[in-house]
Amino acid sequence: MRRKIPSIEALIAFEAAARHQSFTRSADELALTQSAVGRQIAILEEYLGVPLFNRIKKRISLTDVGQMYARQVRESLEKIERDTLAAMAHQGAGGILELAVIPTFATRWLIPRLPKFYAQHEHITLNLTTRAVPFMFTDTPFDAAIHFGNPVWPGAVAHHLFGEEMTPVCSPRLLNGRASLKPEDLENFTLLHQSARPDAWRQWLVQAGVREANCMKGQRYELFSMLVEAARAGLGIALVPRFFVLNELAVGELLIPCDLPLRNDKGYYLVYPECKQCSPLLMAFEKWLLVTAEQYCKSN
C-alpha cells in the first residue's frame, strides 16, 4: 500500500523555511530560487489540506499546525540523515556504535585513549554524543552510554569502570606564593561549583571539619571542563574529579591547595540495553573499555 508521505523535496524546503521564517533565506541555503521554495511549500500545504504559514504582505510566520509539523519534520529529517550516514559507513566489514557520554569524561579520559581502540578495531566507528543524565534507550539511537552515578538503569546491563575522587584545584597565582591552604582558609576564596553537583563543596568542607563556611557562594558552571578553565583563569577554587586535571597538575597550571580528596559511593559505568548483549560490535567495545579502565585503576 502506498504510504501517505509527501515528497522529500517539499519537506526539506518546508523545514528550511520554518527555521528561517523566510522563503528568501531558505532559498539561499538550499541553492534554489525563492519561487521554487514557495512552490514546494504550496504543494505540501495542498497535500496536507492545511496552511502551514501565515502570509501577511511579504512576511511569513508559522501557523499552530505549522509549528508542530516543523518540529516533527526536523526530527524526522535528522533521523533519516543519521540513518543514511550509518548505512554509508557500512561499506565492507565493520559497523557503527552510537555512544552517549558525559561531556568532560569524553574529552578528558575516553577520547585520548581511543587511538588504542581503533588500532585494535579499525572496522568499528564510534559516534559520541553528550548526555549528562540517564534516559530511555528505546527513545534514542544510542547503543550504549557511559554514565556517572549508581548502577541503576531499568532494562540495562551496567559494568563498573572506576570510582571518583574529587579534589580542590586552583591556579598557583591565586595563592600568592603559598604552597597550600588550611581547609578553613577556603572560605576566604571564591568557590567554583559544577551545576549538577551543588552539594559537593558542602560535603568536602564537612569531611574537612569546616562546618560554618558559606559553601554555596561562588559561580556555577554546567560542565567540569568549564570549571577547570575557570580555575586555570584564577577565578576561584574548583572541586573536580582528580583524573580530569592530571595534565594541568603535571605542568603546574593548577595545584591542589588542600590535599583532602572527597570520595563517594558513585562511579562511572558502561550501560547498554539488555537486548544488545549479543552485539559483536558492542561486546568488542565493552571488552576494550573494561580492560582499559582496569589498567587505569592499577596505574593510579
Protein backbone atom coordinates (compact mmCIF):
# COMPACT_ATOMS: atom_id res chain seq x y z
CA MET A 1 0.00 0.00 0.00
CA ARG A 2 1.33 3.42 -0.94
CA ARG A 3 2.47 5.37 2.11
CA LYS A 4 0.93 8.76 2.88
CA ILE A 5 4.22 10.68 2.75
CA PRO A 6 4.90 14.00 0.97
CA SER A 7 7.90 14.41 -1.30
CA ILE A 8 11.26 14.77 0.45
CA GLU A 9 11.97 17.94 -1.56
CA ALA A 10 8.82 19.59 -0.16
CA LEU A 11 9.70 18.57 3.40
CA ILE A 12 13.27 19.89 3.10
CA ALA A 13 12.01 23.20 1.71
CA PHE A 14 9.42 23.49 4.47
CA GLU A 15 11.91 22.69 7.25
CA ALA A 16 14.34 25.35 6.00
CA ALA A 17 11.59 27.98 5.58
CA ALA A 18 10.21 27.20 9.04
CA ARG A 19 13.66 27.51 10.60
CA HIS A 20 14.49 30.79 8.88
CA GLN A 21 10.94 32.18 8.85
CA SER A 22 11.84 33.34 5.37
CA PHE A 23 11.48 31.91 1.87
CA THR A 24 14.41 34.03 0.71
CA ARG A 25 16.94 32.81 3.30
CA SER A 26 15.80 29.21 2.93
CA ALA A 27 16.20 29.51 -0.86
CA ASP A 28 19.77 30.76 -0.36
CA GLU A 29 20.53 27.83 1.95
CA LEU A 30 19.11 25.26 -0.46
CA ALA A 31 20.55 26.86 -3.62
CA LEU A 32 17.06 27.30 -5.05
CA THR A 33 15.04 30.28 -6.18
CA GLN A 34 12.55 31.87 -3.83
CA SER A 35 9.71 30.90 -6.16
CA ALA A 36 10.89 27.26 -6.17
CA VAL A 37 10.74 27.16 -2.36
CA GLY A 38 7.31 28.78 -2.47
CA ARG A 39 6.06 26.17 -4.94
CA GLN A 40 7.31 23.28 -2.83
CA ILE A 41 5.57 24.64 0.26
CA ALA A 42 2.37 25.29 -1.68
CA ILE A 43 2.48 21.66 -2.89
CA LEU A 44 2.96 20.49 0.70
CA GLU A 45 0.09 22.62 2.02
CA GLU A 46 -2.19 21.31 -0.74
CA TYR A 47 -1.16 17.74 0.09
CA LEU A 48 -1.88 18.25 3.80
CA GLY A 49 -5.01 20.30 3.27
CA VAL A 50 -3.96 22.87 5.90
CA PRO A 51 -1.97 26.13 5.76
CA LEU A 52 1.49 25.92 7.34
CA PHE A 53 2.34 29.61 7.13
CA ASN A 54 0.52 32.85 7.76
CA ARG A 55 1.29 35.22 4.90
CA ILE A 56 0.98 38.90 5.80
CA LYS A 57 2.25 41.14 3.00
CA LYS A 58 5.86 39.99 2.45
CA ARG A 59 6.28 38.39 5.87
CA ILE A 60 5.56 34.80 6.85
CA SER A 61 5.02 33.10 10.19
CA LEU A 62 4.15 29.54 11.10
CA THR A 63 0.60 28.61 11.94
CA ASP A 64 -0.01 26.49 15.06
CA VAL A 65 -0.12 23.37 12.87
CA GLY A 66 2.98 24.59 11.04
CA GLN A 67 4.95 24.93 14.31
CA MET A 68 4.05 21.40 15.39
CA TYR A 69 4.74 19.91 11.95
CA ALA A 70 8.04 21.78 11.56
CA ARG A 71 9.36 20.30 14.79
CA GLN A 72 8.33 16.79 13.79
CA VAL A 73 9.69 17.12 10.24
CA ARG A 74 13.02 18.44 11.55
CA GLU A 75 13.41 15.46 13.90
CA SER A 76 12.46 13.04 11.11
CA LEU A 77 14.90 14.55 8.61
CA GLU A 78 17.70 14.45 11.18
CA LYS A 79 16.96 10.77 11.82
CA ILE A 80 16.93 9.99 8.10
CA GLU A 81 20.29 11.75 7.78
CA ARG A 82 21.78 9.77 10.69
CA ASP A 83 20.46 6.51 9.27
CA THR A 84 21.82 7.36 5.82
CA LEU A 85 25.29 8.15 7.17
CA ALA A 86 25.21 4.93 9.18
CA ALA A 87 24.32 2.93 6.07
CA MET A 88 27.08 4.64 4.07
CA ALA A 89 29.58 3.73 6.79
CA HIS A 90 28.81 0.02 6.41
CA GLN A 91 30.95 -0.36 3.31
CA GLY A 92 32.88 -3.60 3.81
CA ALA A 93 33.24 -5.17 7.24
CA GLY A 94 32.51 -3.26 10.40
CA GLY A 95 29.83 -1.02 11.73
CA ILE A 96 28.90 1.91 13.91
CA LEU A 97 28.29 2.23 17.63
CA GLU A 98 26.29 5.21 18.89
CA LEU A 99 27.58 6.09 22.36
CA ALA A 100 26.13 8.62 24.81
CA VAL A 101 28.87 10.08 27.03
CA ILE A 102 29.36 12.54 29.86
CA PRO A 103 30.98 15.59 28.19
CA THR A 104 34.14 16.09 30.27
CA PHE A 105 34.68 12.36 30.77
CA ALA A 106 34.68 12.00 27.00
CA THR A 107 37.16 14.80 26.33
CA ARG A 108 39.45 14.21 29.30
CA TRP A 109 39.53 10.41 29.60
CA LEU A 110 37.88 8.50 26.76
CA ILE A 111 38.92 10.32 23.59
CA PRO A 112 42.66 10.43 24.42
CA ARG A 113 42.55 6.61 24.69
CA LEU A 114 40.54 5.93 21.53
CA PRO A 115 43.60 5.64 19.23
CA LYS A 116 44.39 2.36 21.00
CA PHE A 117 40.82 1.18 20.45
CA TYR A 118 40.96 1.97 16.73
CA ALA A 119 44.34 0.28 16.45
CA GLN A 120 42.63 -2.95 17.55
CA HIS A 121 39.24 -2.37 15.89
CA GLU A 122 39.74 -0.21 12.83
CA HIS A 123 36.49 -1.52 11.32
CA ILE A 124 34.35 -0.07 14.16
CA THR A 125 33.26 3.57 14.15
CA LEU A 126 32.33 5.19 17.47
CA ASN A 127 29.96 8.14 17.30
CA LEU A 128 29.95 10.13 20.56
CA THR A 129 27.06 12.32 21.69
CA THR A 130 26.95 14.08 25.03
CA ARG A 131 24.23 13.14 27.51
CA ALA A 132 24.65 14.10 31.15
CA VAL A 133 21.61 12.35 32.64
CA PRO A 134 20.06 8.88 32.26
CA PHE A 135 17.49 8.30 29.51
CA MET A 136 15.39 5.52 27.99
CA PHE A 137 17.34 3.71 25.27
CA THR A 138 14.13 2.97 23.42
CA ASP A 139 13.64 6.69 22.72
CA THR A 140 17.14 7.28 21.33
CA PRO A 141 19.54 5.96 18.67
CA PHE A 142 22.16 5.04 21.29
CA ASP A 143 23.65 1.55 21.60
CA ALA A 144 25.27 2.29 24.97
CA ALA A 145 26.14 5.06 27.41
CA ILE A 146 28.89 5.94 29.84
CA HIS A 147 27.15 7.13 32.96
CA PHE A 148 28.20 8.55 36.36
CA GLY A 149 26.12 7.61 39.35
CA ASN A 150 24.68 4.35 40.61
CA PRO A 151 24.32 1.10 38.62
CA VAL A 152 20.55 1.51 38.39
CA TRP A 153 19.29 1.79 34.82
CA PRO A 154 16.00 -0.04 34.08
CA GLY A 155 16.28 -2.65 31.37
CA ALA A 156 20.04 -2.16 31.01
CA VAL A 157 23.27 -4.00 31.83
CA ALA A 158 25.75 -1.95 33.89
CA HIS A 159 29.52 -2.53 34.16
CA HIS A 160 31.52 -0.58 36.73
CA LEU A 161 34.58 1.18 35.28
CA PHE A 162 36.03 3.03 38.28
CA GLY A 163 35.17 5.40 41.09
CA GLU A 164 35.92 9.05 41.53
CA GLU A 165 37.94 11.23 43.83
CA MET A 166 37.06 14.94 43.97
CA THR A 167 39.87 17.33 44.84
CA PRO A 168 40.18 21.14 45.14
CA VAL A 169 42.33 22.79 42.47
CA CYS A 170 43.26 26.36 41.67
CA SER A 171 45.75 28.48 39.79
CA PRO A 172 49.09 28.91 41.62
CA ARG A 173 48.81 32.69 41.27
CA LEU A 174 45.62 32.64 43.35
CA LEU A 175 47.67 31.67 46.43
CA ASN A 176 50.24 34.48 46.09
CA GLY A 177 53.22 32.24 46.68
CA ARG A 178 51.73 29.95 49.29
CA ALA A 179 52.09 26.24 48.63
CA SER A 180 48.93 25.15 50.43
CA LEU A 181 45.92 26.24 52.47
CA LYS A 182 44.19 25.00 55.58
CA PRO A 183 40.61 23.85 54.95
CA GLU A 184 39.21 26.75 56.96
CA ASP A 185 41.12 29.20 54.73
CA LEU A 186 38.96 28.29 51.74
CA GLU A 187 36.07 30.44 52.95
CA ASN A 188 38.22 33.47 52.06
CA PHE A 189 38.26 32.41 48.40
CA THR A 190 35.64 32.12 45.68
CA LEU A 191 34.42 28.54 45.39
CA LEU A 192 33.60 27.31 41.90
CA HIS A 193 30.74 24.80 41.54
CA GLN A 194 29.54 22.27 38.98
CA SER A 195 25.81 22.75 38.47
CA ALA A 196 24.91 19.05 38.71
CA ARG A 197 26.88 18.64 41.97
CA PRO A 198 25.51 21.55 44.07
CA ASP A 199 26.28 19.79 47.36
CA ALA A 200 29.88 18.78 46.60
CA TRP A 201 31.61 21.67 48.38
CA ARG A 202 29.46 21.23 51.47
CA GLN A 203 30.38 17.54 51.60
CA TRP A 204 34.07 18.34 51.18
CA LEU A 205 34.05 21.02 53.90
CA VAL A 206 32.16 18.78 56.35
CA GLN A 207 34.67 15.99 55.70
CA ALA A 208 37.47 18.50 56.34
CA GLY A 209 35.88 19.56 59.65
CA VAL A 210 34.72 23.01 58.46
CA ARG A 211 31.02 23.38 59.22
CA GLU A 212 30.39 27.11 59.42
CA ALA A 213 31.61 28.25 55.98
CA ASN A 214 29.21 29.56 53.35
CA CYS A 215 29.78 26.69 50.94
CA MET A 216 27.14 27.77 48.42
CA LYS A 217 28.77 31.05 47.41
CA GLY A 218 30.59 31.32 44.10
CA GLN A 219 29.98 30.77 40.42
CA ARG A 220 28.35 27.71 38.85
CA TYR A 221 29.30 26.01 35.60
CA GLU A 222 27.43 23.37 33.66
CA LEU A 223 30.46 21.28 32.68
CA PHE A 224 33.58 20.22 34.56
CA SER A 225 35.62 21.36 31.55
CA MET A 226 34.30 24.89 32.16
CA LEU A 227 35.15 24.55 35.84
CA VAL A 228 38.72 23.56 35.01
CA GLU A 229 39.16 26.55 32.69
CA ALA A 230 37.70 28.87 35.33
CA ALA A 231 40.22 27.57 37.85
CA ARG A 232 43.07 27.98 35.36
CA ALA A 233 41.92 31.58 34.80
CA GLY A 234 42.26 32.28 38.53
CA LEU A 235 38.53 32.81 39.12
CA GLY A 236 38.50 30.68 42.25
CA ILE A 237 38.99 27.19 43.67
CA ALA A 238 37.22 24.36 41.87
CA LEU A 239 36.28 20.94 43.18
CA VAL A 240 36.75 18.48 40.32
CA PRO A 241 37.49 14.79 39.69
CA ARG A 242 41.25 14.42 40.01
CA PHE A 243 41.67 12.47 36.76
CA PHE A 244 40.16 15.39 34.81
CA VAL A 245 43.12 17.64 35.70
CA LEU A 246 46.15 15.32 35.66
CA ASN A 247 47.78 17.22 32.77
CA GLU A 248 47.21 20.64 34.34
CA LEU A 249 48.65 19.42 37.65
CA ALA A 250 51.66 17.85 35.93
CA VAL A 251 52.64 21.06 34.11
CA GLY A 252 51.87 23.35 37.04
CA GLU A 253 48.90 25.20 35.57
CA LEU A 254 46.86 24.04 38.55
CA LEU A 255 47.76 22.94 42.06
CA ILE A 256 45.93 21.23 44.92
CA PRO A 257 45.71 23.74 47.79
CA CYS A 258 44.30 21.17 50.25
CA ASP A 259 45.09 17.55 49.55
CA LEU A 260 41.91 16.14 51.08
CA PRO A 261 40.10 14.10 48.41
CA LEU A 262 36.35 13.60 48.59
CA ARG A 263 35.21 10.08 47.74
CA ASN A 264 31.67 8.78 47.37
CA ASP A 265 29.96 5.52 46.52
CA LYS A 266 29.07 6.53 42.96
CA GLY A 267 31.13 5.65 39.92
CA TYR A 268 31.44 5.55 36.15
CA TYR A 269 29.56 2.78 34.37
CA LEU A 270 29.17 1.42 30.87
CA VAL A 271 25.47 0.73 30.40
CA TYR A 272 23.57 -0.72 27.47
CA PRO A 273 20.16 -2.32 26.82
CA GLU A 274 19.83 -6.00 27.68
CA CYS A 275 18.84 -6.70 24.07
CA LYS A 276 22.30 -5.52 22.92
CA GLN A 277 24.22 -8.23 24.78
CA CYS A 278 24.67 -10.23 21.57
CA SER A 279 26.04 -7.31 19.52
CA PRO A 280 29.60 -8.21 18.38
CA LEU A 281 30.49 -4.52 17.95
CA LEU A 282 29.31 -3.60 21.43
CA MET A 283 30.98 -6.62 23.00
CA ALA A 284 34.28 -5.65 21.36
CA PHE A 285 33.99 -2.12 22.75
CA GLU A 286 32.94 -3.40 26.17
CA LYS A 287 35.96 -5.74 26.38
CA TRP A 288 38.38 -2.96 25.38
CA LEU A 289 36.81 -0.41 27.75
CA LEU A 290 36.84 -2.70 30.77
CA VAL A 291 40.48 -3.66 30.20
CA THR A 292 41.44 -0.01 29.68
CA ALA A 293 39.60 1.05 32.86
CA GLU A 294 41.30 -1.73 34.84
CA GLN A 295 44.73 -0.64 33.58
CA TYR A 296 43.94 2.96 34.52
CA CYS A 297 42.94 1.93 38.05
CA LYS A 298 46.15 -0.05 38.53
CA SER A 299 48.31 2.87 37.37
CA ASN A 300 46.60 5.40 39.65
